[in-house]
């Protein structure tokens, strides 16, 4: 857990104005620098905008994975989604990038749905709830177009038979004290919360177990999930497998401001879900998106807008793939040529188009789930 005067970052809570440079120091992760980006560009034939725009900004041992790839020792990907509700835009960010990695490097993905985590950490959730949300979340993952021949879904409660044995090997090497200090748990935490991180570690080396040899693993994830993997890295190494490498992204901010991250709470009125229709998206953006505009139109035309604090523009840095178009929007807004309402309109059109395509693919995914579920 990182607890500072201005922000809190844990796997279950993100609040305040996150200082990503300070967070790198606290978590012990490295900046994704130009030299590493150039290596990716050469290997993958280009850079995803999430890389060139530093949305993915830090890593742990990514260079080693690329070294092994150069030596014809391909890595596998591991990421996931803990099902506690519908999927929102922030959840899509690491998955979109993971999809790009799978395509660019031609590698396998192991996608974990830790339904046990949300049952253990959310008092109001039942196992029936987490099962229902797992089914819904799988549709969102499939809708992004992952290769079914190279993608394997692991659901903790369904795949416990293959995962539990390996989780025990991890759990035996992690102390209660380590878990408490890493996650900020107290003596009132239930037993499952203490054990859970052992299950989270399993997909990082399960493919190695199944292959009978150590395979490199790369974990793309939002930076708040780093404590899980930081705690288990040494354990995986002691079990005789490659320590998992990771690459971390910053948060999609909430509509109401540029600090923290978009809320996954079902009670949040300002969260944009993948199932929202056009009218709902337009209403949420227009009502809640924090503006970097000036107090009056005259001042805005004279002084220009502030794209660095305008949430509509910040969202476009995530979802507008065209660099030339994004730069023009930035410059026109900063020069006062575009008003805040107009900028919100640009974002609405981008999100409505993106979500419309996603929802179409989501419906088609209902008949594809079985082809993604891992079968021993």
Protein backbone atom coordinates (compact mmCIF):
# COMPACT_ATOMS: atom_id res chain seq x y z
CA UNK A 1 0.00 0.00 0.00
CA UNK A 2 1.12 3.55 -0.75
CA UNK A 3 -0.35 6.08 1.67
CA UNK A 4 0.80 9.66 1.24
CA UNK A 5 -0.60 13.04 2.15
CA UNK A 6 -2.13 13.54 -1.29
CA UNK A 7 -3.17 10.13 -2.58
CA UNK A 8 -3.86 6.50 -1.80
CA UNK A 9 -3.10 3.62 -4.20
CA UNK A 10 -3.96 0.02 -3.31
CA UNK A 11 -5.40 -2.85 -5.38
CA UNK A 12 -8.85 -1.92 -3.98
CA UNK A 13 -8.73 1.86 -3.64
CA UNK A 14 -7.31 4.79 -5.60
CA UNK A 15 -7.93 8.30 -4.34
CA UNK A 16 -6.34 11.71 -4.74
CA UNK A 17 -3.93 13.28 -7.19
CA UNK A 18 -1.60 10.39 -8.07
CA UNK A 19 2.06 11.35 -8.47
CA UNK A 20 3.22 8.70 -10.92
CA UNK A 21 6.92 9.50 -10.62
CA UNK A 22 6.75 9.18 -6.86
CA UNK A 23 4.68 6.03 -7.22
CA UNK A 24 7.44 4.47 -9.35
CA UNK A 25 9.86 5.02 -6.49
CA UNK A 26 7.44 3.67 -3.89
CA UNK A 27 6.63 0.56 -5.93
CA UNK A 28 10.17 0.03 -7.22
CA UNK A 29 9.20 0.08 -10.90
CA UNK A 30 11.16 1.69 -13.72
CA UNK A 31 10.19 4.32 -16.24
CA UNK A 32 9.44 3.08 -19.74
CA UNK A 33 12.21 5.06 -21.43
CA UNK A 34 12.92 5.95 -25.06
CA UNK A 35 15.49 3.20 -25.53
CA UNK A 36 13.04 0.50 -24.47
CA UNK A 37 10.31 2.00 -26.62
CA UNK A 38 12.63 1.90 -29.62
CA UNK A 39 13.25 -1.80 -29.03
CA UNK A 40 9.49 -2.41 -28.99
CA UNK A 41 9.09 -0.38 -32.17
CA UNK A 42 11.68 -2.51 -33.97
CA UNK A 43 10.27 -5.83 -32.75
CA UNK A 44 6.57 -5.03 -33.14
CA UNK A 45 6.80 -2.89 -36.26
CA UNK A 46 5.45 0.20 -34.51
CA UNK A 47 4.18 1.57 -31.20
CA UNK A 48 0.69 1.56 -29.82
CA UNK A 49 -0.50 5.08 -28.87
CA UNK A 50 -0.63 3.93 -25.24
CA UNK A 51 3.14 3.60 -25.44
CA UNK A 52 4.01 6.69 -27.44
CA UNK A 53 1.74 8.79 -25.18
CA UNK A 54 3.15 7.20 -22.01
CA UNK A 55 -0.22 5.88 -20.88
CA UNK A 56 1.79 2.73 -20.22
CA UNK A 57 4.59 4.45 -18.39
CA UNK A 58 6.50 1.97 -16.23
CA UNK A 59 7.66 -1.62 -16.11
CA UNK A 60 9.49 -4.28 -14.18
CA UNK A 61 11.93 -6.50 -16.14
CA UNK A 62 10.29 -5.83 -19.50
CA UNK A 63 13.75 -5.52 -21.08
CA UNK A 64 14.57 -9.07 -20.01
CA UNK A 65 11.44 -10.38 -21.70
CA UNK A 66 12.41 -8.59 -24.91
CA UNK A 67 15.91 -10.09 -24.65
CA UNK A 68 14.40 -13.55 -24.45
CA UNK A 69 12.11 -12.79 -27.37
CA UNK A 70 15.16 -11.82 -29.45
CA UNK A 71 16.63 -15.21 -28.56
CA UNK A 72 13.48 -16.91 -29.95
CA UNK A 73 12.10 -17.59 -26.48
CA UNK A 74 8.61 -16.04 -26.76
CA UNK A 75 6.78 -14.84 -23.68
CA UNK A 76 3.13 -15.30 -22.72
CA UNK A 77 0.76 -12.61 -21.48
CA UNK A 78 -1.24 -12.62 -18.27
CA UNK A 79 -3.86 -10.10 -17.22
CA UNK A 80 -7.35 -10.25 -15.75
CA UNK A 81 -10.51 -8.76 -14.38
CA UNK A 82 -12.01 -9.23 -10.92
CA UNK A 83 -15.77 -9.35 -11.59
CA UNK A 84 -17.74 -7.09 -9.26
CA UNK A 85 -19.90 -5.30 -11.80
CA UNK A 86 -20.12 -4.29 -15.42
CA UNK A 87 -17.04 -3.23 -17.38
CA UNK A 88 -16.27 0.48 -17.68
CA UNK A 89 -13.96 2.43 -19.98
CA UNK A 90 -11.04 2.32 -17.54
CA UNK A 91 -11.10 -1.47 -17.48
CA UNK A 92 -10.72 -1.56 -21.26
CA UNK A 93 -7.40 0.32 -21.27
CA UNK A 94 -5.01 -2.52 -20.27
CA UNK A 95 -7.04 -5.03 -22.30
CA UNK A 96 -6.80 -2.96 -25.49
CA UNK A 97 -3.05 -2.82 -25.04
CA UNK A 98 -2.85 -6.52 -24.23
CA UNK A 99 -4.70 -7.24 -27.47
CA UNK A 100 -2.12 -5.20 -29.36
CA UNK A 101 0.72 -7.12 -27.70
CA UNK A 102 -0.88 -10.44 -28.60
CA UNK A 103 -1.19 -9.43 -32.24
CA UNK A 104 2.20 -7.72 -32.51
CA UNK A 105 4.17 -10.56 -30.90
CA UNK A 106 1.95 -13.52 -31.79
CA UNK A 107 1.80 -14.79 -28.21
CA UNK A 108 -0.64 -16.56 -25.91
CA UNK A 109 -2.75 -14.79 -23.30
CA UNK A 110 -3.94 -16.23 -20.02
CA UNK A 111 -6.81 -14.10 -18.75
CA UNK A 112 -7.83 -14.60 -15.13
CA UNK A 113 -11.30 -13.89 -13.72
CA UNK A 114 -10.68 -13.97 -9.94
CA UNK A 115 -14.31 -14.17 -8.86
CA UNK A 116 -13.12 -15.31 -5.46
CA UNK A 117 -11.40 -11.97 -4.83
CA UNK A 118 -14.50 -9.83 -5.17
CA UNK A 119 -16.57 -12.27 -3.11
CA UNK A 120 -13.99 -12.07 -0.33
CA UNK A 121 -13.45 -8.32 -0.40
CA UNK A 122 -16.94 -7.01 -1.16
CA UNK A 123 -19.33 -7.67 1.70
CA UNK A 124 -22.46 -7.19 -0.41
CA UNK A 125 -21.45 -9.60 -3.20
CA UNK A 126 -22.55 -13.23 -3.27
CA UNK A 127 -20.93 -15.99 -5.30
CA UNK A 128 -23.98 -15.87 -7.54
CA UNK A 129 -23.29 -12.17 -8.17
CA UNK A 130 -19.65 -12.72 -9.07
CA UNK A 131 -20.58 -15.61 -11.35
CA UNK A 132 -23.08 -13.40 -13.19
CA UNK A 133 -20.58 -10.57 -13.59
CA UNK A 134 -17.92 -13.01 -14.77
CA UNK A 135 -20.23 -14.03 -17.59
CA UNK A 136 -20.84 -10.39 -18.49
CA UNK A 137 -17.18 -9.36 -18.28
CA UNK A 138 -16.10 -12.24 -20.51
CA UNK A 139 -18.24 -10.77 -23.29
CA UNK A 140 -16.36 -7.47 -23.05
CA UNK A 141 -12.99 -9.20 -23.30
CA UNK A 142 -14.03 -11.32 -26.27
CA UNK A 143 -15.53 -8.24 -27.99
CA UNK A 144 -12.05 -6.73 -28.24
CA UNK A 145 -11.07 -9.43 -30.70
CA UNK A 146 -8.56 -11.60 -28.86
CA UNK A 147 -7.45 -14.68 -30.78
CA UNK A 148 -9.47 -17.62 -29.37
CA UNK A 149 -6.71 -20.06 -30.33
CA UNK A 150 -4.20 -18.14 -28.23
CA UNK A 151 -6.43 -16.91 -25.41
CA UNK A 152 -7.31 -18.95 -22.32
CA UNK A 153 -9.82 -17.83 -19.69
CA UNK A 154 -9.18 -18.97 -16.13
CA UNK A 155 -12.02 -18.53 -13.62
CA UNK A 156 -10.79 -19.13 -10.09
CA UNK A 157 -13.84 -20.99 -8.77
CA UNK A 158 -14.23 -23.07 -11.94
CA UNK A 159 -10.55 -23.82 -12.46
CA UNK A 160 -9.68 -24.35 -8.81
CA UNK A 161 -8.76 -27.95 -9.56
CA UNK A 162 -5.79 -26.88 -11.63
CA UNK A 163 -4.97 -23.66 -9.77
CA UNK A 164 -5.26 -24.56 -6.08
CA UNK A 165 -2.29 -26.93 -5.96
CA UNK A 166 -0.01 -24.23 -7.38
CA UNK A 167 -1.53 -21.57 -5.11
CA UNK A 168 -0.60 -23.69 -2.11
CA UNK A 169 3.01 -23.71 -3.22
CA UNK A 170 2.93 -19.92 -3.36
CA UNK A 171 1.04 -19.48 -0.08
CA UNK A 172 3.55 -21.56 1.84
CA UNK A 173 6.25 -19.03 0.98
CA UNK A 174 4.35 -15.82 1.85
CA UNK A 175 3.83 -14.78 5.45
CA UNK A 176 0.83 -13.11 7.02
CA UNK A 177 3.07 -10.18 7.91
CA UNK A 178 4.07 -9.69 4.27
CA UNK A 179 0.45 -9.70 3.13
CA UNK A 180 -0.59 -7.23 5.81
CA UNK A 181 2.19 -4.78 4.98
CA UNK A 182 1.71 -5.06 1.19
CA UNK A 183 -2.05 -4.60 1.15
CA UNK A 184 -2.80 -2.73 4.36
CA UNK A 185 -4.89 -5.55 5.80
CA UNK A 186 -5.73 -5.58 9.50
CA UNK A 187 -6.35 -8.40 11.96
CA UNK A 188 -10.03 -8.12 11.08
CA UNK A 189 -9.40 -9.31 7.49
CA UNK A 190 -11.07 -12.62 6.71
CA UNK A 191 -8.92 -15.67 5.99
CA UNK A 192 -9.71 -15.60 2.29
CA UNK A 193 -8.36 -12.07 1.92
CA UNK A 194 -5.04 -13.18 3.36
CA UNK A 195 -4.81 -16.21 1.06
CA UNK A 196 -6.12 -14.61 -2.11
CA UNK A 197 -2.86 -13.17 -3.46
CA UNK A 198 -1.53 -16.73 -3.82
CA UNK A 199 -4.31 -17.41 -6.35
CA UNK A 200 -3.50 -14.17 -8.15
CA UNK A 201 0.08 -15.38 -8.65
CA UNK A 202 -0.79 -18.72 -10.28
CA UNK A 203 -1.39 -17.64 -13.90
CA UNK A 204 2.07 -16.05 -13.91
CA UNK A 205 3.63 -19.52 -13.91
CA UNK A 206 0.81 -22.01 -14.62
CA UNK A 207 1.69 -22.15 -18.35
CA UNK A 208 5.23 -23.07 -17.30
CA UNK A 209 3.87 -25.88 -15.13
CA UNK A 210 1.77 -27.18 -18.00
CA UNK A 211 4.66 -26.92 -20.48
CA UNK A 212 7.13 -28.60 -18.13
CA UNK A 213 9.62 -25.76 -18.57
CA UNK A 214 10.05 -22.17 -17.51
CA UNK A 215 8.38 -19.65 -19.86
CA UNK A 216 8.75 -15.85 -19.73
CA UNK A 217 5.63 -14.03 -18.53
CA UNK A 218 4.60 -10.41 -19.14
CA UNK A 219 1.73 -8.87 -17.14
CA UNK A 220 0.11 -5.68 -18.52
CA UNK A 221 -1.96 -4.05 -15.78
CA UNK A 222 -3.02 -0.83 -14.12
CA UNK A 223 -0.39 0.28 -11.64
CA UNK A 224 -2.63 -0.20 -8.58
CA UNK A 225 -2.39 -3.99 -9.03
CA UNK A 226 1.40 -4.02 -8.71
CA UNK A 227 1.51 -5.09 -5.02
CA UNK A 228 0.10 -8.53 -5.91
CA UNK A 229 2.85 -9.26 -8.40
CA UNK A 230 5.61 -7.56 -6.44
CA UNK A 231 4.87 -9.83 -3.51
CA UNK A 232 4.80 -13.02 -5.55
CA UNK A 233 7.73 -12.41 -7.92
CA UNK A 234 10.40 -13.84 -5.65
CA UNK A 235 8.18 -16.79 -4.76
CA UNK A 236 7.69 -17.68 -8.43
CA UNK A 237 11.46 -17.53 -8.86
CA UNK A 238 12.01 -19.83 -5.89
CA UNK A 239 9.59 -22.31 -7.43
CA UNK A 240 11.99 -22.58 -10.36
CA UNK A 241 10.20 -20.39 -12.92
CA UNK A 242 10.98 -17.03 -14.51
CA UNK A 243 9.95 -14.11 -12.34
CA UNK A 244 7.04 -12.44 -14.13
CA UNK A 245 7.78 -9.14 -15.83
CA UNK A 246 5.15 -6.40 -15.91
CA UNK A 247 4.20 -3.20 -17.66
CA UNK A 248 1.98 -0.67 -15.88
CA UNK A 249 -0.50 1.93 -17.10
CA UNK A 250 -1.80 5.05 -15.48
CA UNK A 251 -5.47 5.46 -14.64
CA UNK A 252 -8.29 6.74 -16.80
CA UNK A 253 -9.45 9.61 -14.58
CA UNK A 254 -13.01 9.98 -13.32
CA UNK A 255 -15.22 12.32 -15.33
CA UNK A 256 -15.44 14.69 -12.37
CA UNK A 257 -11.71 15.49 -12.34
CA UNK A 258 -8.19 14.46 -13.34
CA UNK A 259 -7.25 12.78 -10.06
CA UNK A 260 -7.92 9.18 -9.02
CA UNK A 261 -9.53 6.73 -11.43
CA UNK A 262 -12.97 6.01 -12.87
CA UNK A 263 -15.17 4.41 -10.23
CA UNK A 264 -16.27 0.79 -10.59
CA UNK A 265 -19.07 1.30 -8.06
CA UNK A 266 -22.53 0.52 -9.37
CA UNK A 267 -23.71 3.63 -7.50
CA UNK A 268 -21.51 5.98 -9.54
CA UNK A 269 -23.59 8.19 -11.84
CA UNK A 270 -20.52 9.46 -13.70
CA UNK A 271 -19.00 6.15 -14.75
CA UNK A 272 -19.25 5.24 -18.43
CA UNK A 273 -19.99 1.54 -18.81
CA UNK A 274 -19.51 -0.46 -21.97
CA UNK A 275 -23.26 -1.14 -22.02
CA UNK A 276 -24.26 2.56 -21.94
CA UNK A 277 -26.27 3.83 -24.92
CA UNK A 278 -25.66 7.06 -26.83
CA UNK A 279 -28.11 9.13 -24.79
CA UNK A 280 -26.53 7.99 -21.52
CA UNK A 281 -22.97 8.68 -22.68
CA UNK A 282 -23.91 12.14 -23.91
CA UNK A 283 -25.67 12.97 -20.65
CA UNK A 284 -22.77 11.79 -18.48
CA UNK A 285 -20.10 13.63 -20.46
CA UNK A 286 -22.07 16.87 -20.68
CA UNK A 287 -23.10 16.83 -17.02
CA UNK A 288 -20.01 15.49 -15.25
CA UNK A 289 -16.89 15.95 -17.38
CA UNK A 290 -14.61 18.46 -15.63
CA UNK A 291 -13.84 21.38 -17.93
CA UNK A 292 -10.56 23.15 -18.57
CA UNK A 293 -12.43 26.07 -20.09
CA UNK A 294 -12.55 29.63 -18.82
CA UNK A 295 -15.39 31.28 -16.91
CA UNK A 296 -16.74 33.13 -19.93
CA UNK A 297 -16.68 32.61 -23.69
CA UNK A 298 -14.79 35.88 -24.06
CA UNK A 299 -12.08 34.77 -21.61
CA UNK A 300 -11.89 31.38 -23.28
CA UNK A 301 -11.40 32.89 -26.72
CA UNK A 302 -8.76 35.26 -25.33
CA UNK A 303 -6.87 32.98 -22.92
CA UNK A 304 -7.58 29.56 -24.40
CA UNK A 305 -8.60 26.34 -22.68
CA UNK A 306 -6.46 24.16 -20.45
CA UNK A 307 -6.28 20.70 -22.04
CA UNK A 308 -4.00 19.42 -19.28
CA UNK A 309 -6.91 19.55 -16.79
CA UNK A 310 -9.84 19.09 -19.15
CA UNK A 311 -11.24 15.58 -18.74
CA UNK A 312 -12.75 15.45 -22.23
CA UNK A 313 -9.32 16.06 -23.71
CA UNK A 314 -7.68 13.61 -21.31
CA UNK A 315 -10.12 10.92 -22.44
CA UNK A 316 -9.26 11.66 -26.06
CA UNK A 317 -5.59 10.99 -25.28
CA UNK A 318 -6.71 7.45 -24.43
CA UNK A 319 -9.23 6.81 -27.18
CA UNK A 320 -8.39 9.02 -30.19
CA UNK A 321 -5.79 6.97 -32.04
CA UNK A 322 -4.94 9.58 -34.69
CA UNK A 323 -1.99 11.62 -33.39
CA UNK A 324 -2.48 14.40 -35.96
CA UNK A 325 -6.14 14.80 -35.08
CA UNK A 326 -5.40 14.75 -31.35
CA UNK A 327 -2.71 17.42 -31.73
CA UNK A 328 -5.08 19.69 -33.66
CA UNK A 329 -7.76 19.31 -31.00
CA UNK A 330 -5.18 20.16 -28.34
CA UNK A 331 -3.88 23.21 -30.16
CA UNK A 332 -7.31 24.53 -31.13
CA UNK A 333 -8.61 24.14 -27.58
CA UNK A 334 -5.51 25.76 -26.07
CA UNK A 335 -5.89 28.65 -28.54
CA UNK A 336 -9.56 29.14 -27.66
CA UNK A 337 -10.81 28.10 -31.09
CA UNK A 338 -12.77 25.19 -29.57
CA UNK A 339 -15.11 25.79 -26.62
CA UNK A 340 -15.51 23.31 -23.76
CA UNK A 341 -18.96 22.24 -24.95
CA UNK A 342 -17.57 21.58 -28.42
CA UNK A 343 -14.73 19.54 -26.97
CA UNK A 344 -17.23 17.45 -25.02
CA UNK A 345 -19.13 16.92 -28.25
CA UNK A 346 -15.98 15.60 -29.93
CA UNK A 347 -15.47 13.15 -27.07
CA UNK A 348 -19.10 12.03 -27.15
CA UNK A 349 -18.90 11.22 -30.85
CA UNK A 350 -15.68 9.26 -30.33
CA UNK A 351 -17.10 7.25 -27.42
CA UNK A 352 -20.48 6.61 -29.04
CA UNK A 353 -18.81 5.20 -32.14
CA UNK A 354 -16.36 3.11 -30.14
CA UNK A 355 -19.02 1.73 -27.80
CA UNK A 356 -21.45 1.06 -30.62
CA UNK A 357 -18.91 -1.18 -32.33
CA UNK A 358 -18.01 -2.76 -29.02
CA UNK A 359 -21.63 -3.53 -28.15
CA UNK A 360 -22.21 -5.16 -31.52
CA UNK A 361 -19.16 -7.37 -30.99
CA UNK A 362 -20.28 -8.00 -27.41
CA UNK A 363 -23.58 -9.49 -28.56
CA UNK A 364 -21.83 -11.72 -31.07
CA UNK A 365 -19.50 -12.89 -28.28
CA UNK A 366 -22.32 -14.68 -26.45
CA UNK A 367 -21.86 -17.75 -28.64
CA UNK A 368 -18.07 -17.72 -28.40
CA UNK A 369 -17.40 -18.03 -24.66
CA UNK A 370 -16.70 -21.76 -24.70
CA UNK A 371 -13.92 -21.33 -27.25
CA UNK A 372 -12.04 -19.07 -24.79
CA UNK A 373 -12.48 -21.10 -21.58
CA UNK A 374 -9.39 -23.10 -20.71
CA UNK A 375 -9.99 -26.85 -20.86
CA UNK A 376 -7.32 -29.04 -19.20
